[in-house]
């Protein structure tokens, strides 16, 4: 698995790296719906761990060579 995010880094809203998976509004929608990557909510601050972002990205990976194979 290739890491898109630094494993041991914490990301907060406003970090440009988070734009890779979605803008601030999209991340807010996902949090509200209970989908998207795992996060911590400390007061009003939202924190994403790099390891959680990488795990979420890997779980959503699509391999075109395996699509439609049954």
C-alpha atoms as a PDB file:
ATOM      1  CA  UNK A   1       0.000   0.000   0.000  1.00  0.00           C
ATOM      2  CA  UNK A   2       1.354   3.396  -0.980  1.00  0.00           C
ATOM      3  CA  UNK A   3       0.850   6.084   1.625  1.00  0.00           C
ATOM      4  CA  UNK A   4      -0.805   9.223   0.310  1.00  0.00           C
ATOM      5  CA  UNK A   5      -0.437  10.895   3.703  1.00  0.00           C
ATOM      6  CA  UNK A   6       2.363  10.912   6.278  1.00  0.00           C
ATOM      7  CA  UNK A   7       1.548   8.015   8.637  1.00  0.00           C
ATOM      8  CA  UNK A   8       2.517   9.735  11.895  1.00  0.00           C
ATOM      9  CA  UNK A   9       1.236  13.218  11.130  1.00  0.00           C
ATOM     10  CA  UNK A  10      -2.008  14.829  12.286  1.00  0.00           C
ATOM     11  CA  UNK A  11      -3.976  16.885   9.775  1.00  0.00           C
ATOM     12  CA  UNK A  12      -6.432  19.647  10.658  1.00  0.00           C
ATOM     13  CA  UNK A  13      -9.048  21.379   8.539  1.00  0.00           C
ATOM     14  CA  UNK A  14      -7.322  23.945   6.397  1.00  0.00           C
ATOM     15  CA  UNK A  15      -4.296  21.750   5.673  1.00  0.00           C
ATOM     16  CA  UNK A  16      -3.899  21.758   1.899  1.00  0.00           C
ATOM     17  CA  UNK A  17      -3.106  18.015   1.865  1.00  0.00           C
ATOM     18  CA  UNK A  18      -6.698  17.232   2.864  1.00  0.00           C
ATOM     19  CA  UNK A  19      -7.854  18.709  -0.466  1.00  0.00           C
ATOM     20  CA  UNK A  20      -6.589  15.458  -1.984  1.00  0.00           C
ATOM     21  CA  UNK A  21      -9.705  13.648  -0.702  1.00  0.00           C
ATOM     22  CA  UNK A  22     -12.186  16.497  -0.571  1.00  0.00           C
ATOM     23  CA  UNK A  23     -12.736  20.128   0.204  1.00  0.00           C
ATOM     24  CA  UNK A  24     -13.750  21.402   3.648  1.00  0.00           C
ATOM     25  CA  UNK A  25     -17.481  21.219   2.802  1.00  0.00           C
ATOM     26  CA  UNK A  26     -17.256  17.654   1.486  1.00  0.00           C
ATOM     27  CA  UNK A  27     -15.423  16.507   4.625  1.00  0.00           C
ATOM     28  CA  UNK A  28     -18.106  18.197   6.764  1.00  0.00           C
ATOM     29  CA  UNK A  29     -20.843  16.387   4.813  1.00  0.00           C
ATOM     30  CA  UNK A  30     -19.106  13.051   5.300  1.00  0.00           C
ATOM     31  CA  UNK A  31     -18.693  13.652   9.044  1.00  0.00           C
ATOM     32  CA  UNK A  32     -22.370  14.572   9.325  1.00  0.00           C
ATOM     33  CA  UNK A  33     -23.413  11.418   7.425  1.00  0.00           C
ATOM     34  CA  UNK A  34     -21.015   9.200   9.378  1.00  0.00           C
ATOM     35  CA  UNK A  35     -18.939   8.264   6.324  1.00  0.00           C
ATOM     36  CA  UNK A  36     -15.437   9.177   5.203  1.00  0.00           C
ATOM     37  CA  UNK A  37     -12.185   8.780   7.093  1.00  0.00           C
ATOM     38  CA  UNK A  38     -12.018   8.432  10.876  1.00  0.00           C
ATOM     39  CA  UNK A  39     -11.416  11.643  12.788  1.00  0.00           C
ATOM     40  CA  UNK A  40     -11.096  13.086  16.269  1.00  0.00           C
ATOM     41  CA  UNK A  41     -13.288  15.920  17.479  1.00  0.00           C
ATOM     42  CA  UNK A  42     -11.633  17.860  20.267  1.00  0.00           C
ATOM     43  CA  UNK A  43     -13.985  20.679  21.180  1.00  0.00           C
ATOM     44  CA  UNK A  44     -14.608  22.336  17.839  1.00  0.00           C
ATOM     45  CA  UNK A  45     -11.325  21.173  16.302  1.00  0.00           C
ATOM     46  CA  UNK A  46     -11.368  18.283  13.806  1.00  0.00           C
ATOM     47  CA  UNK A  47      -8.188  16.205  13.538  1.00  0.00           C
ATOM     48  CA  UNK A  48      -7.414  13.471  11.034  1.00  0.00           C
ATOM     49  CA  UNK A  49      -4.508  11.068  11.616  1.00  0.00           C
ATOM     50  CA  UNK A  50      -2.387  10.255   8.591  1.00  0.00           C
ATOM     51  CA  UNK A  51      -2.670   6.528   9.326  1.00  0.00           C
ATOM     52  CA  UNK A  52      -6.488   6.759   9.313  1.00  0.00           C
ATOM     53  CA  UNK A  53      -6.491   8.722   6.056  1.00  0.00           C
ATOM     54  CA  UNK A  54      -4.238   6.120   4.415  1.00  0.00           C
ATOM     55  CA  UNK A  55      -6.430   3.258   5.664  1.00  0.00           C
ATOM     56  CA  UNK A  56      -9.559   4.975   4.337  1.00  0.00           C
ATOM     57  CA  UNK A  57      -7.917   5.655   0.965  1.00  0.00           C
ATOM     58  CA  UNK A  58      -6.803   2.015   0.680  1.00  0.00           C
ATOM     59  CA  UNK A  59     -10.300   0.763   1.551  1.00  0.00           C
ATOM     60  CA  UNK A  60     -11.684   2.917  -1.284  1.00  0.00           C
ATOM     61  CA  UNK A  61      -9.096   1.840  -3.838  1.00  0.00           C
ATOM     62  CA  UNK A  62     -10.529   0.614  -7.125  1.00  0.00           C
ATOM     63  CA  UNK A  63      -8.562  -1.871  -9.217  1.00  0.00           C
ATOM     64  CA  UNK A  64      -9.916  -1.671 -12.798  1.00  0.00           C
ATOM     65  CA  UNK A  65      -8.367  -5.046 -13.682  1.00  0.00           C
ATOM     66  CA  UNK A  66     -10.642  -6.713 -11.121  1.00  0.00           C
ATOM     67  CA  UNK A  67     -13.811  -4.782 -11.942  1.00  0.00           C
ATOM     68  CA  UNK A  68     -16.445  -7.030 -13.417  1.00  0.00           C
ATOM     69  CA  UNK A  69     -14.439 -10.204 -12.772  1.00  0.00           C
ATOM     70  CA  UNK A  70     -16.607 -12.828 -11.180  1.00  0.00           C
END
